Amino acid sequence: MREPTYFILASLLDEPLHGYAIIQRAEELSGGRVRLATGTLYTALDRLAAGGYVELVREQVVHGRPRRSYGLTSSGSGALRAEAVRMADAAPLVTDRGRRQERGTARQASPA
């Protein structure tokens, strides 16, 4: 799963949101790494809706413009959680190796 998709889904964990709120929440959750353009967001939402991961939950007109709110489906929640577990399982491959290398460097630097 690509990082933008992960954060789009994560932004919907607590409640359905409209497009601009998803953009803001994804940026907040990612620490500013994910900055979605409107076109990118709606292309992703269309793809995620077609895959059954999100659904349109509300559509209203605000100031003459349609505002669509999307919610996470149970399939979307499951896919997001599976990706989080996959990333958590994979992280020690890098973080543990870095710690071992740091310890090895510290041992080499100390006098014998």
PDB file of N, CA and C in Angstrom:
ATOM      1  N   MET A   1       0.849  -1.171   0.000  1.00  0.00           N
ATOM      2  CA  MET A   1       0.000   0.000   0.000  1.00  0.00           C
ATOM      3  C   MET A   1       0.902   1.244   0.000  1.00  0.00           C
ATOM      4  N   ARG A   2       0.601   2.159  -0.871  1.00  0.00           N
ATOM      5  CA  ARG A   2       1.388   3.399  -0.935  1.00  0.00           C
ATOM      6  C   ARG A   2       1.058   4.291   0.255  1.00  0.00           C
ATOM      7  N   GLU A   3       2.025   5.111   0.631  1.00  0.00           N
ATOM      8  CA  GLU A   3       1.877   5.975   1.801  1.00  0.00           C
ATOM      9  C   GLU A   3       0.652   6.893   1.719  1.00  0.00           C
ATOM     10  N   PRO A   4       0.368   7.556   0.593  1.00  0.00           N
ATOM     11  CA  PRO A   4      -0.827   8.400   0.549  1.00  0.00           C
ATOM     12  C   PRO A   4      -2.110   7.610   0.808  1.00  0.00           C
ATOM     13  N   THR A   5      -2.211   6.417   0.236  1.00  0.00           N
ATOM     14  CA  THR A   5      -3.389   5.582   0.454  1.00  0.00           C
ATOM     15  C   THR A   5      -3.527   5.222   1.925  1.00  0.00           C
ATOM     16  N   TYR A   6      -2.419   4.860   2.543  1.00  0.00           N
ATOM     17  CA  TYR A   6      -2.414   4.519   3.968  1.00  0.00           C
ATOM     18  C   TYR A   6      -2.963   5.682   4.792  1.00  0.00           C
ATOM     19  N   PHE A   7      -2.499   6.891   4.517  1.00  0.00           N
ATOM     20  CA  PHE A   7      -2.930   8.029   5.318  1.00  0.00           C
ATOM     21  C   PHE A   7      -4.334   8.508   4.959  1.00  0.00           C
ATOM     22  N   ILE A   8      -4.789   8.279   3.754  1.00  0.00           N
ATOM     23  CA  ILE A   8      -6.191   8.561   3.418  1.00  0.00           C
ATOM     24  C   ILE A   8      -7.086   7.656   4.249  1.00  0.00           C
ATOM     25  N   LEU A   9      -6.775   6.361   4.252  1.00  0.00           N
ATOM     26  CA  LEU A   9      -7.572   5.418   5.041  1.00  0.00           C
ATOM     27  C   LEU A   9      -7.475   5.736   6.534  1.00  0.00           C
ATOM     28  N   ALA A  10      -6.272   6.036   7.005  1.00  0.00           N
ATOM     29  CA  ALA A  10      -6.086   6.349   8.426  1.00  0.00           C
ATOM     30  C   ALA A  10      -6.866   7.591   8.835  1.00  0.00           C
ATOM     31  N   SER A  11      -7.000   8.545   7.928  1.00  0.00           N
ATOM     32  CA  SER A  11      -7.735   9.763   8.254  1.00  0.00           C
ATOM     33  C   SER A  11      -9.215   9.487   8.500  1.00  0.00           C
ATOM     34  N   LEU A  12      -9.699   8.363   8.008  1.00  0.00           N
ATOM     35  CA  LEU A  12     -11.112   8.028   8.152  1.00  0.00           C
ATOM     36  C   LEU A  12     -11.397   7.060   9.299  1.00  0.00           C
ATOM     37  N   LEU A  13     -10.400   6.739  10.088  1.00  0.00           N
ATOM     38  CA  LEU A  13     -10.582   5.779  11.188  1.00  0.00           C
ATOM     39  C   LEU A  13     -11.629   6.224  12.201  1.00  0.00           C
ATOM     40  N   ASP A  14     -11.632   7.488  12.564  1.00  0.00           N
ATOM     41  CA  ASP A  14     -12.519   7.960  13.633  1.00  0.00           C
ATOM     42  C   ASP A  14     -13.914   8.335  13.163  1.00  0.00           C
ATOM     43  N   GLU A  15     -13.993   8.859  11.934  1.00  0.00           N
ATOM     44  CA  GLU A  15     -15.296   9.331  11.451  1.00  0.00           C
ATOM     45  C   GLU A  15     -15.208   9.622   9.957  1.00  0.00           C
ATOM     46  N   PRO A  16     -16.361   9.659   9.297  1.00  0.00           N
ATOM     47  CA  PRO A  16     -16.359  10.072   7.891  1.00  0.00           C
ATOM     48  C   PRO A  16     -15.927  11.538   7.777  1.00  0.00           C
ATOM     49  N   LEU A  17     -15.243  11.852   6.687  1.00  0.00           N
ATOM     50  CA  LEU A  17     -14.776  13.213   6.444  1.00  0.00           C
ATOM     51  C   LEU A  17     -15.019  13.600   4.994  1.00  0.00           C
ATOM     52  N   HIS A  18     -15.143  14.900   4.746  1.00  0.00           N
ATOM     53  CA  HIS A  18     -15.225  15.393   3.371  1.00  0.00           C
ATOM     54  C   HIS A  18     -13.802  15.572   2.840  1.00  0.00           C
ATOM     55  N   GLY A  19     -13.688  15.775   1.544  1.00  0.00           N
ATOM     56  CA  GLY A  19     -12.396  15.783   0.876  1.00  0.00           C
ATOM     57  C   GLY A  19     -11.345  16.687   1.490  1.00  0.00           C
ATOM     58  N   TYR A  20     -11.687  17.960   1.728  1.00  0.00           N
ATOM     59  CA  TYR A  20     -10.688  18.880   2.262  1.00  0.00           C
ATOM     60  C   TYR A  20     -10.246  18.441   3.657  1.00  0.00           C
ATOM     61  N   ALA A  21     -11.170  17.926   4.452  1.00  0.00           N
ATOM     62  CA  ALA A  21     -10.814  17.446   5.795  1.00  0.00           C
ATOM     63  C   ALA A  21      -9.890  16.229   5.711  1.00  0.00           C
ATOM     64  N   ILE A  22     -10.099  15.376   4.714  1.00  0.00           N
ATOM     65  CA  ILE A  22      -9.204  14.222   4.513  1.00  0.00           C
ATOM     66  C   ILE A  22      -7.799  14.720   4.180  1.00  0.00           C
ATOM     67  N   ILE A  23      -7.705  15.714   3.303  1.00  0.00           N
ATOM     68  CA  ILE A  23      -6.401  16.277   2.934  1.00  0.00           C
ATOM     69  C   ILE A  23      -5.689  16.804   4.173  1.00  0.00           C
ATOM     70  N   GLN A  24      -6.400  17.564   4.991  1.00  0.00           N
ATOM     71  CA  GLN A  24      -5.797  18.136   6.204  1.00  0.00           C
ATOM     72  C   GLN A  24      -5.393  17.058   7.197  1.00  0.00           C
ATOM     73  N   ARG A  25      -6.271  16.086   7.402  1.00  0.00           N
ATOM     74  CA  ARG A  25      -6.006  15.033   8.383  1.00  0.00           C
ATOM     75  C   ARG A  25      -4.836  14.153   7.940  1.00  0.00           C
ATOM     76  N   ALA A  26      -4.771  13.809   6.657  1.00  0.00           N
ATOM     77  CA  ALA A  26      -3.667  12.981   6.150  1.00  0.00           C
ATOM     78  C   ALA A  26      -2.339  13.705   6.344  1.00  0.00           C
ATOM     79  N   GLU A  27      -2.322  15.001   6.086  1.00  0.00           N
ATOM     80  CA  GLU A  27      -1.087  15.769   6.279  1.00  0.00           C
ATOM     81  C   GLU A  27      -0.709  15.797   7.758  1.00  0.00           C
ATOM     82  N   GLU A  28      -1.697  15.989   8.617  1.00  0.00           N
ATOM     83  CA  GLU A  28      -1.443  16.007  10.067  1.00  0.00           C
ATOM     84  C   GLU A  28      -0.924  14.659  10.558  1.00  0.00           C
ATOM     85  N   LEU A  29      -1.590  13.579  10.179  1.00  0.00           N
ATOM     86  CA  LEU A  29      -1.195  12.246  10.634  1.00  0.00           C
ATOM     87  C   LEU A  29       0.188  11.847  10.132  1.00  0.00           C
ATOM     88  N   SER A  30       0.555  12.322   8.949  1.00  0.00           N
ATOM     89  CA  SER A  30       1.844  11.952   8.361  1.00  0.00           C
ATOM     90  C   SER A  30       2.966  12.892   8.781  1.00  0.00           C
ATOM     91  N   GLY A  31       2.681  13.817   9.646  1.00  0.00           N
ATOM     92  CA  GLY A  31       3.698  14.779  10.050  1.00  0.00           C
ATOM     93  C   GLY A  31       4.117  15.689   8.907  1.00  0.00           C
ATOM     94  N   GLY A  32       3.203  15.922   7.965  1.00  0.00           N
ATOM     95  CA  GLY A  32       3.470  16.814   6.844  1.00  0.00           C
ATOM     96  C   GLY A  32       4.078  16.136   5.628  1.00  0.00           C
ATOM     97  N   ARG A  33       4.353  14.833   5.717  1.00  0.00           N
ATOM     98  CA  ARG A  33       4.963  14.125   4.579  1.00  0.00           C
ATOM     99  C   ARG A  33       3.991  13.948   3.417  1.00  0.00           C
ATOM    100  N   VAL A  34       2.714  13.723   3.745  1.00  0.00           N
ATOM    101  CA  VAL A  34       1.716  13.483   2.700  1.00  0.00           C
ATOM    102  C   VAL A  34       0.890  14.754   2.507  1.00  0.00           C
ATOM    103  N   ARG A  35       1.063  15.352   1.339  1.00  0.00           N
ATOM    104  CA  ARG A  35       0.309  16.557   0.963  1.00  0.00           C
ATOM    105  C   ARG A  35      -0.430  16.226  -0.328  1.00  0.00           C
ATOM    106  N   LEU A  36      -1.704  15.999  -0.195  1.00  0.00           N
ATOM    107  CA  LEU A  36      -2.509  15.538  -1.318  1.00  0.00           C
ATOM    108  C   LEU A  36      -3.098  16.703  -2.109  1.00  0.00           C
ATOM    109  N   ALA A  37      -2.952  16.657  -3.420  1.00  0.00           N
ATOM    110  CA  ALA A  37      -3.670  17.589  -4.290  1.00  0.00           C
ATOM    111  C   ALA A  37      -5.104  17.088  -4.402  1.00  0.00           C
ATOM    112  N   THR A  38      -6.013  17.986  -4.656  1.00  0.00           N
ATOM    113  CA  THR A  38      -7.434  17.622  -4.734  1.00  0.00           C
ATOM    114  C   THR A  38      -7.673  16.528  -5.768  1.00  0.00           C
ATOM    115  N   GLY A  39      -7.091  16.686  -6.952  1.00  0.00           N
ATOM    116  CA  GLY A  39      -7.284  15.680  -8.000  1.00  0.00           C
ATOM    117  C   GLY A  39      -6.744  14.322  -7.604  1.00  0.00           C
ATOM    118  N   THR A  40      -5.606  14.315  -6.938  1.00  0.00           N
ATOM    119  CA  THR A  40      -5.002  13.066  -6.465  1.00  0.00           C
ATOM    120  C   THR A  40      -5.906  12.401  -5.439  1.00  0.00           C
ATOM    121  N   LEU A  41      -6.432  13.198  -4.525  1.00  0.00           N
ATOM    122  CA  LEU A  41      -7.318  12.654  -3.492  1.00  0.00           C
ATOM    123  C   LEU A  41      -8.545  11.994  -4.110  1.00  0.00           C
ATOM    124  N   TYR A  42      -9.228  12.713  -4.999  1.00  0.00           N
ATOM    125  CA  TYR A  42     -10.474  12.164  -5.544  1.00  0.00           C
ATOM    126  C   TYR A  42     -10.224  10.976  -6.469  1.00  0.00           C
ATOM    127  N   THR A  43      -9.100  10.944  -7.142  1.00  0.00           N
ATOM    128  CA  THR A  43      -8.740   9.756  -7.922  1.00  0.00           C
ATOM    129  C   THR A  43      -8.542   8.571  -6.976  1.00  0.00           C
ATOM    130  N   ALA A  44      -7.838   8.801  -5.876  1.00  0.00           N
ATOM    131  CA  ALA A  44      -7.618   7.740  -4.882  1.00  0.00           C
ATOM    132  C   ALA A  44      -8.938   7.305  -4.250  1.00  0.00           C
ATOM    133  N   LEU A  45      -9.799   8.261  -3.906  1.00  0.00           N
ATOM    134  CA  LEU A  45     -11.086   7.905  -3.298  1.00  0.00           C
ATOM    135  C   LEU A  45     -11.947   7.086  -4.256  1.00  0.00           C
ATOM    136  N   ASP A  46     -11.940   7.453  -5.536  1.00  0.00           N
ATOM    137  CA  ASP A  46     -12.691   6.665  -6.527  1.00  0.00           C
ATOM    138  C   ASP A  46     -12.152   5.237  -6.585  1.00  0.00           C
ATOM    139  N   ARG A  47     -10.831   5.095  -6.593  1.00  0.00           N
ATOM    140  CA  ARG A  47     -10.206   3.765  -6.629  1.00  0.00           C
ATOM    141  C   ARG A  47     -10.529   2.984  -5.356  1.00  0.00           C
ATOM    142  N   LEU A  48     -10.443   3.643  -4.210  1.00  0.00           N
ATOM    143  CA  LEU A  48     -10.722   2.978  -2.933  1.00  0.00           C
ATOM    144  C   LEU A  48     -12.198   2.603  -2.814  1.00  0.00           C
ATOM    145  N   ALA A  49     -13.083   3.443  -3.332  1.00  0.00           N
ATOM    146  CA  ALA A  49     -14.517   3.121  -3.319  1.00  0.00           C
ATOM    147  C   ALA A  49     -14.800   1.925  -4.228  1.00  0.00           C
ATOM    148  N   ALA A  50     -14.173   1.897  -5.406  1.00  0.00           N
ATOM    149  CA  ALA A  50     -14.359   0.771  -6.329  1.00  0.00           C
ATOM    150  C   ALA A  50     -13.850  -0.529  -5.712  1.00  0.00           C
ATOM    151  N   GLY A  51     -12.816  -0.433  -4.888  1.00  0.00           N
ATOM    152  CA  GLY A  51     -12.264  -1.608  -4.216  1.00  0.00           C
ATOM    153  C   GLY A  51     -13.007  -1.992  -2.947  1.00  0.00           C
ATOM    154  N   GLY A  52     -13.972  -1.175  -2.543  1.00  0.00           N
ATOM    155  CA  GLY A  52     -14.761  -1.485  -1.354  1.00  0.00           C
ATOM    156  C   GLY A  52     -14.120  -1.054  -0.045  1.00  0.00           C
ATOM    157  N   TYR A  53     -13.106  -0.183  -0.116  1.00  0.00           N
ATOM    158  CA  TYR A  53     -12.408   0.243   1.100  1.00  0.00           C
ATOM    159  C   TYR A  53     -13.004   1.493   1.736  1.00  0.00           C
ATOM    160  N   VAL A  54     -13.603   2.353   0.927  1.00  0.00           N
ATOM    161  CA  VAL A  54     -14.315   3.523   1.437  1.00  0.00           C
ATOM    162  C   VAL A  54     -15.668   3.584   0.757  1.00  0.00           C
ATOM    163  N   GLU A  55     -16.568   4.352   1.361  1.00  0.00           N
ATOM    164  CA  GLU A  55     -17.885   4.531   0.749  1.00  0.00           C
ATOM    165  C   GLU A  55     -18.338   5.967   0.940  1.00  0.00           C
ATOM    166  N   LEU A  56     -19.109   6.430  -0.009  1.00  0.00           N
ATOM    167  CA  LEU A  56     -19.711   7.746   0.090  1.00  0.00           C
ATOM    168  C   LEU A  56     -20.823   7.655   1.132  1.00  0.00           C
ATOM    169  N   VAL A  57     -20.744   8.452   2.181  1.00  0.00           N
ATOM    170  CA  VAL A  57     -21.740   8.368   3.246  1.00  0.00           C
ATOM    171  C   VAL A  57     -22.683   9.564   3.268  1.00  0.00           C
ATOM    172  N   ARG A  58     -22.266  10.655   2.617  1.00  0.00           N
ATOM    173  CA  ARG A  58     -23.105  11.845   2.656  1.00  0.00           C
ATOM    174  C   ARG A  58     -22.696  12.754   1.507  1.00  0.00           C
ATOM    175  N   GLU A  59     -23.689  13.365   0.905  1.00  0.00           N
ATOM    176  CA  GLU A  59     -23.422  14.359  -0.124  1.00  0.00           C
ATOM    177  C   GLU A  59     -24.358  15.523   0.115  1.00  0.00           C
ATOM    178  N   GLN A  60     -23.784  16.698   0.212  1.00  0.00           N
ATOM    179  CA  GLN A  60     -24.592  17.895   0.441  1.00  0.00           C
ATOM    180  C   GLN A  60     -24.021  19.033  -0.396  1.00  0.00           C
ATOM    181  N   VAL A  61     -24.820  20.077  -0.575  1.00  0.00           N
ATOM    182  CA  VAL A  61     -24.367  21.239  -1.318  1.00  0.00           C
ATOM    183  C   VAL A  61     -24.046  22.332  -0.313  1.00  0.00           C
ATOM    184  N   VAL A  62     -22.816  22.828  -0.374  1.00  0.00           N
ATOM    185  CA  VAL A  62     -22.356  23.892   0.512  1.00  0.00           C
ATOM    186  C   VAL A  62     -21.871  25.041  -0.369  1.00  0.00           C
ATOM    187  N   HIS A  63     -22.505  26.198  -0.220  1.00  0.00           N
ATOM    188  CA  HIS A  63     -22.164  27.374  -1.029  1.00  0.00           C
ATOM    189  C   HIS A  63     -22.208  27.047  -2.527  1.00  0.00           C
ATOM    190  N   GLY A  64     -23.206  26.284  -2.908  1.00  0.00           N
ATOM    191  CA  GLY A  64     -23.410  25.956  -4.316  1.00  0.00           C
ATOM    192  C   GLY A  64     -22.501  24.874  -4.870  1.00  0.00           C
ATOM    193  N   ARG A  65     -21.681  24.277  -4.012  1.00  0.00           N
ATOM    194  CA  ARG A  65     -20.759  23.231  -4.476  1.00  0.00           C
ATOM    195  C   ARG A  65     -21.040  21.939  -3.724  1.00  0.00           C
ATOM    196  N   PRO A  66     -20.923  20.805  -4.418  1.00  0.00           N
ATOM    197  CA  PRO A  66     -21.152  19.532  -3.721  1.00  0.00           C
ATOM    198  C   PRO A  66     -20.023  19.226  -2.739  1.00  0.00           C
ATOM    199  N   ARG A  67     -20.404  18.738  -1.596  1.00  0.00           N
ATOM    200  CA  ARG A  67     -19.422  18.286  -0.596  1.00  0.00           C
ATOM    201  C   ARG A  67     -19.746  16.824  -0.299  1.00  0.00           C
ATOM    202  N   ARG A  68     -18.793  15.967  -0.606  1.00  0.00           N
ATOM    203  CA  ARG A  68     -18.980  14.528  -0.390  1.00  0.00           C
ATOM    204  C   ARG A  68     -18.155  14.093   0.809  1.00  0.00           C
ATOM    205  N   SER A  69     -18.787  13.336   1.674  1.00  0.00           N
ATOM    206  CA  SER A  69     -18.084  12.782   2.826  1.00  0.00           C
ATOM    207  C   SER A  69     -17.947  11.282   2.638  1.00  0.00           C
ATOM    208  N   TYR A  70     -16.772  10.784   2.973  1.00  0.00           N
ATOM    209  CA  TYR A  70     -16.447   9.376   2.800  1.00  0.00           C
ATOM    210  C   TYR A  70     -16.170   8.734   4.145  1.00  0.00           C
ATOM    211  N   GLY A  71     -16.544   7.470   4.241  1.00  0.00           N
ATOM    212  CA  GLY A  71     -16.279   6.706   5.445  1.00  0.00           C
ATOM    213  C   GLY A  71     -15.519   5.436   5.111  1.00  0.00           C
ATOM    214  N   LEU A  72     -14.862   4.924   6.110  1.00  0.00           N
ATOM    215  CA  LEU A  72     -14.095   3.689   5.982  1.00  0.00           C
ATOM    216  C   LEU A  72     -15.042   2.497   6.090  1.00  0.00           C
ATOM    217  N   THR A  73     -14.916   1.550   5.196  1.00  0.00           N
ATOM    218  CA  THR A  73     -15.712   0.323   5.284  1.00  0.00           C
ATOM    219  C   THR A  73     -14.972  -0.686   6.170  1.00  0.00           C
ATOM    220  N   SER A  74     -15.620  -1.778   6.500  1.00  0.00           N
ATOM    221  CA  SER A  74     -14.935  -2.800   7.288  1.00  0.00           C
ATOM    222  C   SER A  74     -13.769  -3.392   6.501  1.00  0.00           C
ATOM    223  N   SER A  75     -13.906  -3.512   5.181  1.00  0.00           N
ATOM    224  CA  SER A  75     -12.790  -3.986   4.351  1.00  0.00           C
ATOM    225  C   SER A  75     -11.640  -2.992   4.376  1.00  0.00           C
ATOM    226  N   GLY A  76     -11.960  -1.715   4.327  1.00  0.00           N
ATOM    227  CA  GLY A  76     -10.922  -0.687   4.380  1.00  0.00           C
ATOM    228  C   GLY A  76     -10.213  -0.681   5.712  1.00  0.00           C
ATOM    229  N   SER A  77     -10.971  -0.843   6.779  1.00  0.00           N
ATOM    230  CA  SER A  77     -10.386  -0.895   8.117  1.00  0.00           C
ATOM    231  C   SER A  77      -9.469  -2.111   8.244  1.00  0.00           C
ATOM    232  N   GLY A  78      -9.910  -3.238   7.729  1.00  0.00           N
ATOM    233  CA  GLY A  78      -9.088  -4.453   7.769  1.00  0.00           C
ATOM    234  C   GLY A  78      -7.810  -4.309   6.968  1.00  0.00           C
ATOM    235  N   ALA A  79      -7.909  -3.714   5.773  1.00  0.00           N
ATOM    236  CA  ALA A  79      -6.721  -3.514   4.933  1.00  0.00           C
ATOM    237  C   ALA A  79      -5.743  -2.555   5.600  1.00  0.00           C
ATOM    238  N   LEU A  80      -6.265  -1.503   6.223  1.00  0.00           N
ATOM    239  CA  LEU A  80      -5.408  -0.538   6.908  1.00  0.00           C
ATOM    240  C   LEU A  80      -4.695  -1.196   8.084  1.00  0.00           C
ATOM    241  N   ARG A  81      -5.415  -1.964   8.869  1.00  0.00           N
ATOM    242  CA  ARG A  81      -4.803  -2.642  10.013  1.00  0.00           C
ATOM    243  C   ARG A  81      -3.764  -3.677   9.550  1.00  0.00           C
ATOM    244  N   ALA A  82      -4.070  -4.403   8.492  1.00  0.00           N
ATOM    245  CA  ALA A  82      -3.116  -5.384   7.965  1.00  0.00           C
ATOM    246  C   ALA A  82      -1.838  -4.692   7.504  1.00  0.00           C
ATOM    247  N   GLU A  83      -1.970  -3.525   6.880  1.00  0.00           N
ATOM    248  CA  GLU A  83      -0.786  -2.781   6.439  1.00  0.00           C
ATOM    249  C   GLU A  83       0.004  -2.277   7.637  1.00  0.00           C
ATOM    250  N   ALA A  84      -0.681  -1.822   8.674  1.00  0.00           N
ATOM    251  CA  ALA A  84       0.016  -1.352   9.878  1.00  0.00           C
ATOM    252  C   ALA A  84       0.802  -2.495  10.519  1.00  0.00           C
ATOM    253  N   VAL A  85       0.218  -3.675  10.577  1.00  0.00           N
ATOM    254  CA  VAL A  85       0.901  -4.844  11.140  1.00  0.00           C
ATOM    255  C   VAL A  85       2.093  -5.225  10.264  1.00  0.00           C
ATOM    256  N   ARG A  86       1.909  -5.213   8.946  1.00  0.00           N
ATOM    257  CA  ARG A  86       2.994  -5.537   8.025  1.00  0.00           C
ATOM    258  C   ARG A  86       4.172  -4.584   8.235  1.00  0.00           C
ATOM    259  N   MET A  87       3.883  -3.280   8.336  1.00  0.00           N
ATOM    260  CA  MET A  87       4.958  -2.305   8.529  1.00  0.00           C
ATOM    261  C   MET A  87       5.623  -2.490   9.891  1.00  0.00           C
ATOM    262  N   ALA A  88       4.834  -2.756  10.926  1.00  0.00           N
ATOM    263  CA  ALA A  88       5.403  -2.964  12.263  1.00  0.00           C
ATOM    264  C   ALA A  88       6.287  -4.209  12.285  1.00  0.00           C
ATOM    265  N   ASP A  89       5.857  -5.263  11.599  1.00  0.00           N
ATOM    266  CA  ASP A  89       6.664  -6.485  11.531  1.00  0.00           C
ATOM    267  C   ASP A  89       7.955  -6.267  10.750  1.00  0.00           C
ATOM    268  N   ALA A  90       7.907  -5.422   9.731  1.00  0.00           N
ATOM    269  CA  ALA A  90       9.073  -5.188   8.891  1.00  0.00           C
ATOM    270  C   ALA A  90      10.053  -4.194   9.519  1.00  0.00           C
ATOM    271  N   ALA A  91       9.597  -3.303  10.348  1.00  0.00           N
ATOM    272  CA  ALA A  91      10.444  -2.246  10.914  1.00  0.00           C
ATOM    273  C   ALA A  91      11.673  -2.780  11.657  1.00  0.00           C
ATOM    274  N   PRO A  92      11.554  -3.831  12.469  1.00  0.00           N
ATOM    275  CA  PRO A  92      12.743  -4.308  13.184  1.00  0.00           C
ATOM    276  C   PRO A  92      13.883  -4.777  12.277  1.00  0.00           C
ATOM    277  N   LEU A  93      13.574  -5.164  11.054  1.00  0.00           N
ATOM    278  CA  LEU A  93      14.637  -5.560  10.133  1.00  0.00           C
ATOM    279  C   LEU A  93      15.641  -4.427   9.937  1.00  0.00           C
ATOM    280  N   VAL A  94      15.151  -3.204   9.994  1.00  0.00           N
ATOM    281  CA  VAL A  94      16.011  -2.038   9.808  1.00  0.00           C
ATOM    282  C   VAL A  94      16.433  -1.457  11.150  1.00  0.00           C
ATOM    283  N   THR A  95      15.473  -1.269  12.053  1.00  0.00           N
ATOM    284  CA  THR A  95      15.804  -0.611  13.319  1.00  0.00           C
ATOM    285  C   THR A  95      16.722  -1.461  14.181  1.00  0.00           C
ATOM    286  N   ASP A  96      16.508  -2.763  14.224  1.00  0.00           N
ATOM    287  CA  ASP A  96      17.383  -3.633  15.013  1.00  0.00           C
ATOM    288  C   ASP A  96      18.784  -3.692  14.415  1.00  0.00           C
ATOM    289  N   ARG A  97      18.882  -3.722  13.097  1.00  0.00           N
ATOM    290  CA  ARG A  97      20.180  -3.747  12.433  1.00  0.00           C
ATOM    291  C   ARG A  97      20.943  -2.464  12.759  1.00  0.00           C
ATOM    292  N   GLY A  98      20.256  -1.337  12.738  1.00  0.00           N
ATOM    293  CA  GLY A  98      20.892  -0.066  13.084  1.00  0.00           C
ATOM    294  C   GLY A  98      21.397  -0.059  14.509  1.00  0.00           C
ATOM    295  N   ARG A  99      20.641  -0.634  15.433  1.00  0.00           N
ATOM    296  CA  ARG A  99      21.077  -0.696  16.834  1.00  0.00           C
ATOM    297  C   ARG A  99      22.289  -1.597  16.988  1.00  0.00           C
ATOM    298  N   ARG A 100      22.292  -2.733  16.276  1.00  0.00           N
ATOM    299  CA  ARG A 100      23.442  -3.642  16.346  1.00  0.00           C
ATOM    300  C   ARG A 100      24.693  -2.959  15.803  1.00  0.00           C
ATOM    301  N   GLN A 101      24.540  -2.225  14.720  1.00  0.00           N
ATOM    302  CA  GLN A 101      25.690  -1.535  14.136  1.00  0.00           C
ATOM    303  C   GLN A 101      26.203  -0.456  15.078  1.00  0.00           C
ATOM    304  N   GLU A 102      25.287   0.260  15.739  1.00  0.00           N
ATOM    305  CA  GLU A 102      25.705   1.290  16.696  1.00  0.00           C
ATOM    306  C   GLU A 102      26.456   0.668  17.864  1.00  0.00           C
ATOM    307  N   ARG A 103      25.962  -0.455  18.366  1.00  0.00           N
ATOM    308  CA  ARG A 103      26.645  -1.133  19.482  1.00  0.00           C
ATOM    309  C   ARG A 103      28.013  -1.638  19.046  1.00  0.00           C
ATOM    310  N   GLY A 104      28.104  -2.169  17.830  1.00  0.00           N
ATOM    311  CA  GLY A 104      29.375  -2.656  17.314  1.00  0.00           C
ATOM    312  C   GLY A 104      30.388  -1.535  17.161  1.00  0.00           C
ATOM    313  N   THR A 105      29.930  -0.388  16.722  1.00  0.00           N
ATOM    314  CA  THR A 105      30.813   0.774  16.576  1.00  0.00           C
ATOM    315  C   THR A 105      31.275   1.245  17.944  1.00  0.00           C
ATOM    316  N   ALA A 106      30.387   1.228  18.929  1.00  0.00           N
ATOM    317  CA  ALA A 106      30.747   1.662  20.278  1.00  0.00           C
ATOM    318  C   ALA A 106      31.785   0.717  20.885  1.00  0.00           C
ATOM    319  N   ARG A 107      31.631  -0.604  20.636  1.00  0.00           N
ATOM    320  CA  ARG A 107      32.598  -1.564  21.161  1.00  0.00           C
ATOM    321  C   ARG A 107      33.966  -1.386  20.510  1.00  0.00           C
ATOM    322  N   GLN A 108      33.965  -1.126  19.218  1.00  0.00           N
ATOM    323  CA  GLN A 108      35.234  -0.946  18.512  1.00  0.00           C
ATOM    324  C   GLN A 108      35.965   0.304  18.990  1.00  0.00           C
ATOM    325  N   ALA A 109      35.218   1.327  19.369  1.00  0.00           N
ATOM    326  CA  ALA A 109      35.829   2.574  19.792  1.00  0.00           C
ATOM    327  C   ALA A 109      36.372   2.512  21.204  1.00  0.00           C
ATOM    328  N   SER A 110      35.872   1.583  22.044  1.00  0.00           N
ATOM    329  CA  SER A 110      36.330   1.537  23.418  1.00  0.00           C
ATOM    330  C   SER A 110      37.680   0.831  23.522  1.00  0.00           C
ATOM    331  N   PRO A 111      38.545   1.291  24.412  1.00  0.00           N
ATOM    332  CA  PRO A 111      39.863   0.673  24.565  1.00  0.00           C
ATOM    333  C   PRO A 111      39.738  -0.750  25.127  1.00  0.00           C
ATOM    334  N   ALA A 112      40.620  -1.636  24.708  1.00  0.00           N
ATOM    335  CA  ALA A 112      40.572  -3.031  25.147  1.00  0.00           C
ATOM    336  C   ALA A 112      41.414  -3.272  26.373  1.00  0.00           C
TER     337      ALA A 112
END
